[in-house]
Every structure is written in C-alpha cells, then in structure tokens.
Amino acid sequence: MSDSEEIVLEQYDPAKTYSNQKKFDCGHKTINRFVAGNLKKQIRQNLSQCYVLLDTSDKDRFIGFYTLSSFSIKASELEALSAGSLPNRIPCCRLIMLGVDNDYKSKGYGNEENGFH
C-alpha cells in the first residue's frame, strides 16, 4: 500500500488486466474466489455491472469492487406502497457483491461516507 494513494472508482472493463485482482483478499473466501475466477466472466456475459476501486498510485491496484444487477419487484409484493399508483412491476437495482481489500479496510472505502457503498 502506498503512502500517497490516489483512489478512483471506475466501471470494470473485462478487457483490462487489473493489478492485484487475482490476489484480492477482503477476508471472505467466497468473494475472493468470485473476484479471482468469475468476475470477468460474469461481466462479459452481461449478468451484472461492476465498478472497481483502484489505487492509481500503486499500478491501478484492484482494492475494491461492487456488482449490480437489474431486476423488478411485483407491485403486489409492496402492498403498503401499491395504492394503485405504481406499475405492475417496479424496476430495481440490486447490490450483488461488495468487497474491499484487507489492506484498505481501515480507510473506510466500504462505507457511505466515502461514496463507495
């Protein structure tokens, strides 16, 4: 980890090679395996969208990510809100996975205050 880190958030590009992606460790085995082995494939298959957090002062090191997927909820499942003014299906965005590398967790990059949530 660099003393003068510069962190950027960008859309994941499956054609790009990210420094440290294969060695990413957020402390959760399932998420680590997903990042190393399935993330690129899932994005190429358009199963979700991904945004990555990179440390540009350390060769664009892959330090965090989140994946989003679109889906919909039946209005009938939201009875309290469906007083007749909602369409039959409500479009939504679902957070599928989120992880921040252990080396960067104490920086707060996985919380709302830093804009990465």
PDB file of N, CA and C in Angstrom:
ATOM      1  N   MET A   1       0.846  -1.175   0.000  1.00  0.00           N
ATOM      2  CA  MET A   1       0.000   0.000   0.000  1.00  0.00           C
ATOM      3  C   MET A   1       0.887   1.232   0.000  1.00  0.00           C
ATOM      4  N   SER A   2       0.531   2.221  -0.778  1.00  0.00           N
ATOM      5  CA  SER A   2       1.320   3.429  -0.939  1.00  0.00           C
ATOM      6  C   SER A   2       0.958   4.473   0.116  1.00  0.00           C
ATOM      7  N   ASP A   3       1.949   5.296   0.521  1.00  0.00           N
ATOM      8  CA  ASP A   3       1.681   6.375   1.468  1.00  0.00           C
ATOM      9  C   ASP A   3       0.878   7.497   0.823  1.00  0.00           C
ATOM     10  N   SER A   4       0.995   7.656  -0.472  1.00  0.00           N
ATOM     11  CA  SER A   4       0.293   8.735  -1.173  1.00  0.00           C
ATOM     12  C   SER A   4      -0.708   8.143  -2.156  1.00  0.00           C
ATOM     13  N   GLU A   5      -1.614   7.346  -1.645  1.00  0.00           N
ATOM     14  CA  GLU A   5      -2.570   6.663  -2.512  1.00  0.00           C
ATOM     15  C   GLU A   5      -3.534   7.649  -3.156  1.00  0.00           C
ATOM     16  N   GLU A   6      -3.866   7.358  -4.394  1.00  0.00           N
ATOM     17  CA  GLU A   6      -4.874   8.115  -5.128  1.00  0.00           C
ATOM     18  C   GLU A   6      -5.901   7.089  -5.579  1.00  0.00           C
ATOM     19  N   ILE A   7      -7.101   7.219  -5.046  1.00  0.00           N
ATOM     20  CA  ILE A   7      -8.142   6.226  -5.249  1.00  0.00           C
ATOM     21  C   ILE A   7      -9.168   6.731  -6.257  1.00  0.00           C
ATOM     22  N   VAL A   8      -9.500   5.870  -7.231  1.00  0.00           N
ATOM     23  CA  VAL A   8     -10.524   6.207  -8.223  1.00  0.00           C
ATOM     24  C   VAL A   8     -11.536   5.064  -8.296  1.00  0.00           C
ATOM     25  N   LEU A   9     -12.743   5.429  -8.675  1.00  0.00           N
ATOM     26  CA  LEU A   9     -13.807   4.459  -8.902  1.00  0.00           C
ATOM     27  C   LEU A   9     -14.144   4.511 -10.379  1.00  0.00           C
ATOM     28  N   GLU A  10     -14.132   3.344 -11.037  1.00  0.00           N
ATOM     29  CA  GLU A  10     -14.447   3.307 -12.465  1.00  0.00           C
ATOM     30  C   GLU A  10     -15.201   2.032 -12.801  1.00  0.00           C
ATOM     31  N   GLN A  11     -15.864   2.060 -13.941  1.00  0.00           N
ATOM     32  CA  GLN A  11     -16.575   0.869 -14.390  1.00  0.00           C
ATOM     33  C   GLN A  11     -15.555  -0.199 -14.762  1.00  0.00           C
ATOM     34  N   TYR A  12     -15.828  -1.423 -14.363  1.00  0.00           N
ATOM     35  CA  TYR A  12     -14.947  -2.551 -14.635  1.00  0.00           C
ATOM     36  C   TYR A  12     -14.916  -2.839 -16.129  1.00  0.00           C
ATOM     37  N   ASP A  13     -13.718  -3.027 -16.653  1.00  0.00           N
ATOM     38  CA  ASP A  13     -13.528  -3.346 -18.067  1.00  0.00           C
ATOM     39  C   ASP A  13     -12.946  -4.757 -18.158  1.00  0.00           C
ATOM     40  N   PRO A  14     -13.726  -5.742 -18.632  1.00  0.00           N
ATOM     41  CA  PRO A  14     -13.227  -7.119 -18.676  1.00  0.00           C
ATOM     42  C   PRO A  14     -12.065  -7.318 -19.646  1.00  0.00           C
ATOM     43  N   ALA A  15     -11.822  -6.347 -20.516  1.00  0.00           N
ATOM     44  CA  ALA A  15     -10.692  -6.441 -21.444  1.00  0.00           C
ATOM     45  C   ALA A  15      -9.394  -5.968 -20.791  1.00  0.00           C
ATOM     46  N   LYS A  16      -9.493  -5.350 -19.649  1.00  0.00           N
ATOM     47  CA  LYS A  16      -8.335  -4.791 -18.947  1.00  0.00           C
ATOM     48  C   LYS A  16      -7.802  -5.784 -17.920  1.00  0.00           C
ATOM     49  N   THR A  17      -6.490  -5.758 -17.697  1.00  0.00           N
ATOM     50  CA  THR A  17      -5.884  -6.545 -16.631  1.00  0.00           C
ATOM     51  C   THR A  17      -5.656  -5.620 -15.452  1.00  0.00           C
ATOM     52  N   TYR A  18      -6.229  -5.973 -14.316  1.00  0.00           N
ATOM     53  CA  TYR A  18      -6.110  -5.158 -13.112  1.00  0.00           C
ATOM     54  C   TYR A  18      -5.054  -5.733 -12.187  1.00  0.00           C
ATOM     55  N   SER A  19      -4.156  -4.872 -11.745  1.00  0.00           N
ATOM     56  CA  SER A  19      -3.120  -5.263 -10.798  1.00  0.00           C
ATOM     57  C   SER A  19      -3.763  -5.726  -9.501  1.00  0.00           C
ATOM     58  N   ASN A  20      -3.386  -6.901  -9.019  1.00  0.00           N
ATOM     59  CA  ASN A  20      -3.824  -7.482  -7.751  1.00  0.00           C
ATOM     60  C   ASN A  20      -5.215  -8.117  -7.789  1.00  0.00           C
ATOM     61  N   GLN A  21      -5.893  -8.146  -8.930  1.00  0.00           N
ATOM     62  CA  GLN A  21      -7.231  -8.741  -8.941  1.00  0.00           C
ATOM     63  C   GLN A  21      -7.194 -10.207  -8.521  1.00  0.00           C
ATOM     64  N   LYS A  22      -6.239 -10.965  -9.035  1.00  0.00           N
ATOM     65  CA  LYS A  22      -6.153 -12.392  -8.697  1.00  0.00           C
ATOM     66  C   LYS A  22      -5.736 -12.615  -7.242  1.00  0.00           C
ATOM     67  N   LYS A  23      -5.087 -11.619  -6.624  1.00  0.00           N
ATOM     68  CA  LYS A  23      -4.634 -11.739  -5.239  1.00  0.00           C
ATOM     69  C   LYS A  23      -5.546 -10.977  -4.273  1.00  0.00           C
ATOM     70  N   PHE A  24      -6.652 -10.443  -4.773  1.00  0.00           N
ATOM     71  CA  PHE A  24      -7.581  -9.672  -3.952  1.00  0.00           C
ATOM     72  C   PHE A  24      -8.000 -10.482  -2.728  1.00  0.00           C
ATOM     73  N   ASP A  25      -7.951  -9.849  -1.547  1.00  0.00           N
ATOM     74  CA  ASP A  25      -8.342 -10.531  -0.315  1.00  0.00           C
ATOM     75  C   ASP A  25      -9.108  -9.575   0.589  1.00  0.00           C
ATOM     76  N   CYS A  26     -10.412  -9.806   0.669  1.00  0.00           N
ATOM     77  CA  CYS A  26     -11.261  -8.990   1.536  1.00  0.00           C
ATOM     78  C   CYS A  26     -11.593  -9.719   2.826  1.00  0.00           C
ATOM     79  N   GLY A  27     -11.027 -10.930   2.990  1.00  0.00           N
ATOM     80  CA  GLY A  27     -11.286 -11.705   4.192  1.00  0.00           C
ATOM     81  C   GLY A  27     -12.488 -12.628   4.081  1.00  0.00           C
ATOM     82  N   HIS A  28     -13.127 -12.664   2.922  1.00  0.00           N
ATOM     83  CA  HIS A  28     -14.297 -13.517   2.713  1.00  0.00           C
ATOM     84  C   HIS A  28     -13.993 -14.441   1.538  1.00  0.00           C
ATOM     85  N   LYS A  29     -13.853 -15.737   1.793  1.00  0.00           N
ATOM     86  CA  LYS A  29     -13.407 -16.692   0.778  1.00  0.00           C
ATOM     87  C   LYS A  29     -14.274 -16.696  -0.477  1.00  0.00           C
ATOM     88  N   THR A  30     -15.590 -16.652  -0.311  1.00  0.00           N
ATOM     89  CA  THR A  30     -16.488 -16.693  -1.470  1.00  0.00           C
ATOM     90  C   THR A  30     -16.288 -15.477  -2.363  1.00  0.00           C
ATOM     91  N   ILE A  31     -16.178 -14.306  -1.756  1.00  0.00           N
ATOM     92  CA  ILE A  31     -15.975 -13.081  -2.536  1.00  0.00           C
ATOM     93  C   ILE A  31     -14.602 -13.096  -3.199  1.00  0.00           C
ATOM     94  N   ASN A  32     -13.578 -13.531  -2.480  1.00  0.00           N
ATOM     95  CA  ASN A  32     -12.229 -13.600  -3.058  1.00  0.00           C
ATOM     96  C   ASN A  32     -12.198 -14.519  -4.277  1.00  0.00           C
ATOM     97  N   ARG A  33     -12.833 -15.694  -4.165  1.00  0.00           N
ATOM     98  CA  ARG A  33     -12.878 -16.633  -5.300  1.00  0.00           C
ATOM     99  C   ARG A  33     -13.641 -16.031  -6.476  1.00  0.00           C
ATOM    100  N   PHE A  34     -14.728 -15.330  -6.189  1.00  0.00           N
ATOM    101  CA  PHE A  34     -15.520 -14.687  -7.238  1.00  0.00           C
ATOM    102  C   PHE A  34     -14.672 -13.671  -8.006  1.00  0.00           C
ATOM    103  N   VAL A  35     -13.951 -12.821  -7.285  1.00  0.00           N
ATOM    104  CA  VAL A  35     -13.122 -11.796  -7.921  1.00  0.00           C
ATOM    105  C   VAL A  35     -12.029 -12.438  -8.775  1.00  0.00           C
ATOM    106  N   ALA A  36     -11.377 -13.459  -8.252  1.00  0.00           N
ATOM    107  CA  ALA A  36     -10.267 -14.095  -8.966  1.00  0.00           C
ATOM    108  C   ALA A  36     -10.726 -14.929 -10.153  1.00  0.00           C
ATOM    109  N   GLY A  37     -11.877 -15.590 -10.035  1.00  0.00           N
ATOM    110  CA  GLY A  37     -12.243 -16.544 -11.067  1.00  0.00           C
ATOM    111  C   GLY A  37     -13.499 -16.295 -11.867  1.00  0.00           C
ATOM    112  N   ASN A  38     -14.448 -15.500 -11.343  1.00  0.00           N
ATOM    113  CA  ASN A  38     -15.734 -15.383 -12.026  1.00  0.00           C
ATOM    114  C   ASN A  38     -16.149 -13.976 -12.414  1.00  0.00           C
ATOM    115  N   LEU A  39     -15.555 -12.976 -11.818  1.00  0.00           N
ATOM    116  CA  LEU A  39     -15.984 -11.590 -12.073  1.00  0.00           C
ATOM    117  C   LEU A  39     -15.911 -11.240 -13.552  1.00  0.00           C
ATOM    118  N   LYS A  40     -14.777 -11.470 -14.156  1.00  0.00           N
ATOM    119  CA  LYS A  40     -14.587 -11.119 -15.569  1.00  0.00           C
ATOM    120  C   LYS A  40     -15.611 -11.832 -16.455  1.00  0.00           C
ATOM    121  N   LYS A  41     -15.824 -13.108 -16.206  1.00  0.00           N
ATOM    122  CA  LYS A  41     -16.777 -13.893 -16.992  1.00  0.00           C
ATOM    123  C   LYS A  41     -18.194 -13.350 -16.828  1.00  0.00           C
ATOM    124  N   GLN A  42     -18.586 -13.052 -15.595  1.00  0.00           N
ATOM    125  CA  GLN A  42     -19.930 -12.547 -15.340  1.00  0.00           C
ATOM    126  C   GLN A  42     -20.184 -11.220 -16.065  1.00  0.00           C
ATOM    127  N   ILE A  43     -19.203 -10.358 -16.090  1.00  0.00           N
ATOM    128  CA  ILE A  43     -19.354  -9.067 -16.765  1.00  0.00           C
ATOM    129  C   ILE A  43     -19.403  -9.273 -18.279  1.00  0.00           C
ATOM    130  N   ARG A  44     -18.562 -10.144 -18.794  1.00  0.00           N
ATOM    131  CA  ARG A  44     -18.585 -10.428 -20.239  1.00  0.00           C
ATOM    132  C   ARG A  44     -19.926 -11.007 -20.689  1.00  0.00           C
ATOM    133  N   GLN A  45     -20.581 -11.755 -19.820  1.00  0.00           N
ATOM    134  CA  GLN A  45     -21.884 -12.354 -20.141  1.00  0.00           C
ATOM    135  C   GLN A  45     -23.046 -11.400 -19.847  1.00  0.00           C
ATOM    136  N   ASN A  46     -22.728 -10.173 -19.457  1.00  0.00           N
ATOM    137  CA  ASN A  46     -23.736  -9.153 -19.141  1.00  0.00           C
ATOM    138  C   ASN A  46     -24.714  -9.602 -18.058  1.00  0.00           C
ATOM    139  N   LEU A  47     -24.224 -10.362 -17.082  1.00  0.00           N
ATOM    140  CA  LEU A  47     -25.070 -10.797 -15.985  1.00  0.00           C
ATOM    141  C   LEU A  47     -25.183  -9.726 -14.901  1.00  0.00           C
ATOM    142  N   SER A  48     -24.221  -8.813 -14.892  1.00  0.00           N
ATOM    143  CA  SER A  48     -24.240  -7.702 -13.948  1.00  0.00           C
ATOM    144  C   SER A  48     -23.293  -6.623 -14.449  1.00  0.00           C
ATOM    145  N   GLN A  49     -23.300  -5.505 -13.758  1.00  0.00           N
ATOM    146  CA  GLN A  49     -22.343  -4.432 -13.998  1.00  0.00           C
ATOM    147  C   GLN A  49     -21.424  -4.387 -12.787  1.00  0.00           C
ATOM    148  N   CYS A  50     -20.206  -3.925 -12.988  1.00  0.00           N
ATOM    149  CA  CYS A  50     -19.255  -3.873 -11.888  1.00  0.00           C
ATOM    150  C   CYS A  50     -18.522  -2.539 -11.899  1.00  0.00           C
ATOM    151  N   TYR A  51     -18.262  -2.036 -10.718  1.00  0.00           N
ATOM    152  CA  TYR A  51     -17.436  -0.843 -10.544  1.00  0.00           C
ATOM    153  C   TYR A  51     -16.297  -1.218  -9.621  1.00  0.00           C
ATOM    154  N   VAL A  52     -15.094  -0.741  -9.958  1.00  0.00           N
ATOM    155  CA  VAL A  52     -13.906  -1.100  -9.193  1.00  0.00           C
ATOM    156  C   VAL A  52     -13.275   0.129  -8.572  1.00  0.00           C
ATOM    157  N   LEU A  53     -12.690  -0.093  -7.425  1.00  0.00           N
ATOM    158  CA  LEU A  53     -11.940   0.925  -6.716  1.00  0.00           C
ATOM    159  C   LEU A  53     -10.475   0.608  -6.953  1.00  0.00           C
ATOM    160  N   LEU A  54      -9.737   1.581  -7.494  1.00  0.00           N
ATOM    161  CA  LEU A  54      -8.335   1.371  -7.848  1.00  0.00           C
ATOM    162  C   LEU A  54      -7.439   2.365  -7.131  1.00  0.00           C
ATOM    163  N   ASP A  55      -6.271   1.894  -6.731  1.00  0.00           N
ATOM    164  CA  ASP A  55      -5.243   2.776  -6.188  1.00  0.00           C
ATOM    165  C   ASP A  55      -4.299   3.104  -7.332  1.00  0.00           C
ATOM    166  N   THR A  56      -4.462   4.294  -7.923  1.00  0.00           N
ATOM    167  CA  THR A  56      -3.671   4.677  -9.101  1.00  0.00           C
ATOM    168  C   THR A  56      -2.213   4.945  -8.756  1.00  0.00           C
ATOM    169  N   SER A  57      -1.919   5.156  -7.483  1.00  0.00           N
ATOM    170  CA  SER A  57      -0.521   5.364  -7.095  1.00  0.00           C
ATOM    171  C   SER A  57       0.218   4.038  -6.957  1.00  0.00           C
ATOM    172  N   ASP A  58      -0.509   2.925  -7.085  1.00  0.00           N
ATOM    173  CA  ASP A  58       0.083   1.593  -6.960  1.00  0.00           C
ATOM    174  C   ASP A  58      -0.312   0.737  -8.171  1.00  0.00           C
ATOM    175  N   LYS A  59       0.028   1.223  -9.369  1.00  0.00           N
ATOM    176  CA  LYS A  59      -0.205   0.497 -10.627  1.00  0.00           C
ATOM    177  C   LYS A  59      -1.670   0.115 -10.834  1.00  0.00           C
ATOM    178  N   ASP A  60      -2.591   1.019 -10.499  1.00  0.00           N
ATOM    179  CA  ASP A  60      -4.031   0.754 -10.614  1.00  0.00           C
ATOM    180  C   ASP A  60      -4.425  -0.514  -9.862  1.00  0.00           C
ATOM    181  N   ARG A  61      -3.902  -0.657  -8.666  1.00  0.00           N
ATOM    182  CA  ARG A  61      -4.176  -1.843  -7.843  1.00  0.00           C
ATOM    183  C   ARG A  61      -5.675  -1.976  -7.574  1.00  0.00           C
ATOM    184  N   PHE A  62      -6.203  -3.154  -7.806  1.00  0.00           N
ATOM    185  CA  PHE A  62      -7.607  -3.509  -7.567  1.00  0.00           C
ATOM    186  C   PHE A  62      -7.797  -3.622  -6.059  1.00  0.00           C
ATOM    187  N   ILE A  63      -8.488  -2.641  -5.448  1.00  0.00           N
ATOM    188  CA  ILE A  63      -8.624  -2.649  -3.984  1.00  0.00           C
ATOM    189  C   ILE A  63     -10.070  -2.798  -3.513  1.00  0.00           C
ATOM    190  N   GLY A  64     -11.015  -2.740  -4.438  1.00  0.00           N
ATOM    191  CA  GLY A  64     -12.403  -2.908  -4.044  1.00  0.00           C
ATOM    192  C   GLY A  64     -13.303  -2.977  -5.260  1.00  0.00           C
ATOM    193  N   PHE A  65     -14.533  -3.419  -5.045  1.00  0.00           N
ATOM    194  CA  PHE A  65     -15.470  -3.543  -6.155  1.00  0.00           C
ATOM    195  C   PHE A  65     -16.878  -3.698  -5.624  1.00  0.00           C
ATOM    196  N   TYR A  66     -17.832  -3.475  -6.503  1.00  0.00           N
ATOM    197  CA  TYR A  66     -19.203  -3.893  -6.237  1.00  0.00           C
ATOM    198  C   TYR A  66     -19.865  -4.251  -7.551  1.00  0.00           C
ATOM    199  N   THR A  67     -20.802  -5.183  -7.496  1.00  0.00           N
ATOM    200  CA  THR A  67     -21.540  -5.590  -8.686  1.00  0.00           C
ATOM    201  C   THR A  67     -23.013  -5.288  -8.472  1.00  0.00           C
ATOM    202  N   LEU A  68     -23.648  -4.875  -9.566  1.00  0.00           N
ATOM    203  CA  LEU A  68     -25.062  -4.524  -9.560  1.00  0.00           C
ATOM    204  C   LEU A  68     -25.779  -5.307 -10.642  1.00  0.00           C
ATOM    205  N   SER A  69     -27.023  -5.619 -10.379  1.00  0.00           N
ATOM    206  CA  SER A  69     -27.852  -6.306 -11.358  1.00  0.00           C
ATOM    207  C   SER A  69     -29.235  -5.667 -11.336  1.00  0.00           C
ATOM    208  N   SER A  70     -29.871  -5.620 -12.487  1.00  0.00           N
ATOM    209  CA  SER A  70     -31.223  -5.073 -12.519  1.00  0.00           C
ATOM    210  C   SER A  70     -32.235  -6.202 -12.396  1.00  0.00           C
ATOM    211  N   PHE A  71     -33.355  -5.897 -11.801  1.00  0.00           N
ATOM    212  CA  PHE A  71     -34.449  -6.842 -11.681  1.00  0.00           C
ATOM    213  C   PHE A  71     -35.704  -6.041 -11.391  1.00  0.00           C
ATOM    214  N   SER A  72     -36.785  -6.698 -11.112  1.00  0.00           N
ATOM    215  CA  SER A  72     -38.017  -5.983 -10.794  1.00  0.00           C
ATOM    216  C   SER A  72     -38.764  -6.692  -9.675  1.00  0.00           C
ATOM    217  N   ILE A  73     -39.605  -5.934  -9.023  1.00  0.00           N
ATOM    218  CA  ILE A  73     -40.433  -6.442  -7.930  1.00  0.00           C
ATOM    219  C   ILE A  73     -41.884  -6.281  -8.347  1.00  0.00           C
ATOM    220  N   LYS A  74     -42.700  -7.281  -8.075  1.00  0.00           N
ATOM    221  CA  LYS A  74     -44.132  -7.178  -8.353  1.00  0.00           C
ATOM    222  C   LYS A  74     -44.736  -6.141  -7.403  1.00  0.00           C
ATOM    223  N   ALA A  75     -45.530  -5.246  -7.945  1.00  0.00           N
ATOM    224  CA  ALA A  75     -46.159  -4.217  -7.129  1.00  0.00           C
ATOM    225  C   ALA A  75     -46.994  -4.836  -6.015  1.00  0.00           C
ATOM    226  N   SER A  76     -47.589  -6.003  -6.270  1.00  0.00           N
ATOM    227  CA  SER A  76     -48.413  -6.661  -5.255  1.00  0.00           C
ATOM    228  C   SER A  76     -47.590  -7.069  -4.026  1.00  0.00           C
ATOM    229  N   GLU A  77     -46.268  -7.218  -4.216  1.00  0.00           N
ATOM    230  CA  GLU A  77     -45.390  -7.555  -3.095  1.00  0.00           C
ATOM    231  C   GLU A  77     -45.104  -6.333  -2.220  1.00  0.00           C
ATOM    232  N   LEU A  78     -45.461  -5.178  -2.715  1.00  0.00           N
ATOM    233  CA  LEU A  78     -45.268  -3.932  -1.981  1.00  0.00           C
ATOM    234  C   LEU A  78     -46.625  -3.335  -1.626  1.00  0.00           C
ATOM    235  N   GLU A  79     -47.467  -4.127  -1.011  1.00  0.00           N
ATOM    236  CA  GLU A  79     -48.845  -3.732  -0.762  1.00  0.00           C
ATOM    237  C   GLU A  79     -48.969  -2.368  -0.102  1.00  0.00           C
ATOM    238  N   ALA A  80     -48.097  -2.063   0.823  1.00  0.00           N
ATOM    239  CA  ALA A  80     -48.185  -0.782   1.520  1.00  0.00           C
ATOM    240  C   ALA A  80     -47.957   0.396   0.572  1.00  0.00           C
ATOM    241  N   LEU A  81     -47.197   0.177  -0.481  1.00  0.00           N
ATOM    242  CA  LEU A  81     -46.902   1.253  -1.424  1.00  0.00           C
ATOM    243  C   LEU A  81     -47.779   1.220  -2.666  1.00  0.00           C
ATOM    244  N   SER A  82     -48.458   0.118  -2.897  1.00  0.00           N
ATOM    245  CA  SER A  82     -49.184  -0.047  -4.156  1.00  0.00           C
ATOM    246  C   SER A  82     -50.641   0.392  -4.064  1.00  0.00           C
ATOM    247  N   ALA A  83     -50.833   1.622  -3.700  1.00  0.00           N
ATOM    248  CA  ALA A  83     -52.190   2.163  -3.589  1.00  0.00           C
ATOM    249  C   ALA A  83     -52.735   2.537  -4.964  1.00  0.00           C
ATOM    250  N   GLY A  84     -52.382   1.760  -5.987  1.00  0.00           N
ATOM    251  CA  GLY A  84     -52.898   1.989  -7.329  1.00  0.00           C
ATOM    252  C   GLY A  84     -52.066   2.904  -8.188  1.00  0.00           C
ATOM    253  N   SER A  85     -51.036   3.528  -7.644  1.00  0.00           N
ATOM    254  CA  SER A  85     -50.263   4.478  -8.434  1.00  0.00           C
ATOM    255  C   SER A  85     -48.968   3.887  -8.990  1.00  0.00           C
ATOM    256  N   LEU A  86     -48.681   2.643  -8.697  1.00  0.00           N
ATOM    257  CA  LEU A  86     -47.446   2.025  -9.172  1.00  0.00           C
ATOM    258  C   LEU A  86     -47.726   1.108 -10.358  1.00  0.00           C
ATOM    259  N   PRO A  87     -46.750   0.968 -11.258  1.00  0.00           N
ATOM    260  CA  PRO A  87     -46.915  -0.004 -12.349  1.00  0.00           C
ATOM    261  C   PRO A  87     -46.939  -1.427 -11.784  1.00  0.00           C
ATOM    262  N   ASN A  88     -47.281  -2.393 -12.624  1.00  0.00           N
ATOM    263  CA  ASN A  88     -47.345  -3.793 -12.173  1.00  0.00           C
ATOM    264  C   ASN A  88     -46.004  -4.319 -11.687  1.00  0.00           C
ATOM    265  N   ARG A  89     -44.927  -3.892 -12.334  1.00  0.00           N
ATOM    266  CA  ARG A  89     -43.576  -4.313 -11.937  1.00  0.00           C
ATOM    267  C   ARG A  89     -42.733  -3.065 -11.721  1.00  0.00           C
ATOM    268  N   ILE A  90     -42.009  -3.031 -10.627  1.00  0.00           N
ATOM    269  CA  ILE A  90     -41.174  -1.899 -10.255  1.00  0.00           C
ATOM    270  C   ILE A  90     -39.719  -2.250 -10.573  1.00  0.00           C
ATOM    271  N   PRO A  91     -39.057  -1.494 -11.480  1.00  0.00           N
ATOM    272  CA  PRO A  91     -37.653  -1.784 -11.769  1.00  0.00           C
ATOM    273  C   PRO A  91     -36.779  -1.420 -10.561  1.00  0.00           C
ATOM    274  N   CYS A  92     -35.749  -2.229 -10.324  1.00  0.00           N
ATOM    275  CA  CYS A  92     -34.853  -2.032  -9.187  1.00  0.00           C
ATOM    276  C   CYS A  92     -33.423  -2.355  -9.595  1.00  0.00           C
ATOM    277  N   CYS A  93     -32.511  -1.922  -8.770  1.00  0.00           N
ATOM    278  CA  CYS A  93     -31.103  -2.273  -8.926  1.00  0.00           C
ATOM    279  C   CYS A  93     -30.702  -3.013  -7.656  1.00  0.00           C
ATOM    280  N   ARG A  94     -30.039  -4.149  -7.815  1.00  0.00           N
ATOM    281  CA  ARG A  94     -29.681  -4.993  -6.679  1.00  0.00           C
ATOM    282  C   ARG A  94     -28.168  -5.056  -6.522  1.00  0.00           C
ATOM    283  N   LEU A  95     -27.690  -4.783  -5.319  1.00  0.00           N
ATOM    284  CA  LEU A  95     -26.275  -4.932  -4.995  1.00  0.00           C
ATOM    285  C   LEU A  95     -26.017  -6.414  -4.794  1.00  0.00           C
ATOM    286  N   ILE A  96     -25.156  -6.998  -5.634  1.00  0.00           N
ATOM    287  CA  ILE A  96     -24.888  -8.434  -5.570  1.00  0.00           C
ATOM    288  C   ILE A  96     -23.685  -8.731  -4.669  1.00  0.00           C
ATOM    289  N   MET A  97     -22.561  -8.120  -4.967  1.00  0.00           N
ATOM    290  CA  MET A  97     -21.339  -8.363  -4.195  1.00  0.00           C
ATOM    291  C   MET A  97     -20.640  -7.040  -3.948  1.00  0.00           C
ATOM    292  N   LEU A  98     -19.923  -6.990  -2.832  1.00  0.00           N
ATOM    293  CA  LEU A  98     -19.129  -5.820  -2.479  1.00  0.00           C
ATOM    294  C   LEU A  98     -17.942  -6.300  -1.680  1.00  0.00           C
ATOM    295  N   GLY A  99     -16.773  -5.764  -1.955  1.00  0.00           N
ATOM    296  CA  GLY A  99     -15.594  -6.137  -1.189  1.00  0.00           C
ATOM    297  C   GLY A  99     -14.532  -5.064  -1.246  1.00  0.00           C
ATOM    298  N   VAL A 100     -13.798  -4.924  -0.154  1.00  0.00           N
ATOM    299  CA  VAL A 100     -12.661  -4.015  -0.071  1.00  0.00           C
ATOM    300  C   VAL A 100     -11.484  -4.820   0.454  1.00  0.00           C
ATOM    301  N   ASP A 101     -10.336  -4.697  -0.205  1.00  0.00           N
ATOM    302  CA  ASP A 101      -9.133  -5.426   0.190  1.00  0.00           C
ATOM    303  C   ASP A 101      -8.778  -5.128   1.643  1.00  0.00           C
ATOM    304  N   ASN A 102      -8.342  -6.150   2.354  1.00  0.00           N
ATOM    305  CA  ASN A 102      -7.990  -6.003   3.774  1.00  0.00           C
ATOM    306  C   ASN A 102      -7.002  -4.869   4.026  1.00  0.00           C
ATOM    307  N   ASP A 103      -6.052  -4.644   3.109  1.00  0.00           N
ATOM    308  CA  ASP A 103      -5.061  -3.589   3.286  1.00  0.00           C
ATOM    309  C   ASP A 103      -5.681  -2.189   3.284  1.00  0.00           C
ATOM    310  N   TYR A 104      -6.906  -2.067   2.788  1.00  0.00           N
ATOM    311  CA  TYR A 104      -7.546  -0.757   2.642  1.00  0.00           C
ATOM    312  C   TYR A 104      -8.803  -0.607   3.501  1.00  0.00           C
ATOM    313  N   LYS A 105      -9.171  -1.625   4.242  1.00  0.00           N
ATOM    314  CA  LYS A 105     -10.410  -1.571   5.018  1.00  0.00           C
ATOM    315  C   LYS A 105     -10.417  -0.466   6.059  1.00  0.00           C
ATOM    316  N   SER A 106      -9.322  -0.208   6.708  1.00  0.00           N
ATOM    317  CA  SER A 106      -9.299   0.811   7.758  1.00  0.00           C
ATOM    318  C   SER A 106      -9.464   2.230   7.199  1.00  0.00           C
ATOM    319  N   LYS A 107      -9.465   2.352   5.881  1.00  0.00           N
ATOM    320  CA  LYS A 107      -9.634   3.658   5.237  1.00  0.00           C
ATOM    321  C   LYS A 107     -11.099   4.031   5.080  1.00  0.00           C
ATOM    322  N   GLY A 108     -12.009   3.093   5.314  1.00  0.00           N
ATOM    323  CA  GLY A 108     -13.433   3.376   5.218  1.00  0.00           C
ATOM    324  C   GLY A 108     -13.994   3.349   3.812  1.00  0.00           C
ATOM    325  N   TYR A 109     -13.328   2.701   2.867  1.00  0.00           N
ATOM    326  CA  TYR A 109     -13.793   2.703   1.481  1.00  0.00           C
ATOM    327  C   TYR A 109     -15.062   1.896   1.253  1.00  0.00           C
ATOM    328  N   GLY A 110     -15.483   1.090   2.182  1.00  0.00           N
ATOM    329  CA  GLY A 110     -16.698   0.312   2.018  1.00  0.00           C
ATOM    330  C   GLY A 110     -17.914   0.943   2.670  1.00  0.00           C
ATOM    331  N   ASN A 111     -17.809   2.207   3.084  1.00  0.00           N
ATOM    332  CA  ASN A 111     -18.964   2.822   3.738  1.00  0.00           C
ATOM    333  C   ASN A 111     -19.471   4.035   2.988  1.00  0.00           C
ATOM    334  N   GLU A 112     -20.654   4.484   3.334  1.00  0.00           N
ATOM    335  CA  GLU A 112     -21.334   5.556   2.626  1.00  0.00           C
ATOM    336  C   GLU A 112     -20.601   6.886   2.701  1.00  0.00           C
ATOM    337  N   GLU A 113     -19.953   7.184   3.805  1.00  0.00           N
ATOM    338  CA  GLU A 113     -19.288   8.477   3.967  1.00  0.00           C
ATOM    339  C   GLU A 113     -18.236   8.737   2.884  1.00  0.00           C
ATOM    340  N   ASN A 114     -17.631   7.678   2.355  1.00  0.00           N
ATOM    341  CA  ASN A 114     -16.606   7.824   1.327  1.00  0.00           C
ATOM    342  C   ASN A 114     -17.152   7.595  -0.082  1.00  0.00           C
ATOM    343  N   GLY A 115     -18.445   7.474  -0.224  1.00  0.00           N
ATOM    344  CA  GLY A 115     -19.049   7.372  -1.534  1.00  0.00           C
ATOM    345  C   GLY A 115     -18.922   6.018  -2.189  1.00  0.00           C
ATOM    346  N   PHE A 116     -18.424   5.032  -1.488  1.00  0.00           N
ATOM    347  CA  PHE A 116     -18.304   3.683  -2.040  1.00  0.00           C
ATOM    348  C   PHE A 116     -19.126   2.771  -1.166  1.00  0.00           C
ATOM    349  N   HIS A 117     -20.333   2.494  -1.602  1.00  0.00           N
ATOM    350  CA  HIS A 117     -21.236   1.678  -0.784  1.00  0.00           C
ATOM    351  C   HIS A 117     -22.103   0.825  -1.666  1.00  0.00           C
TER     352      HIS A 117
END
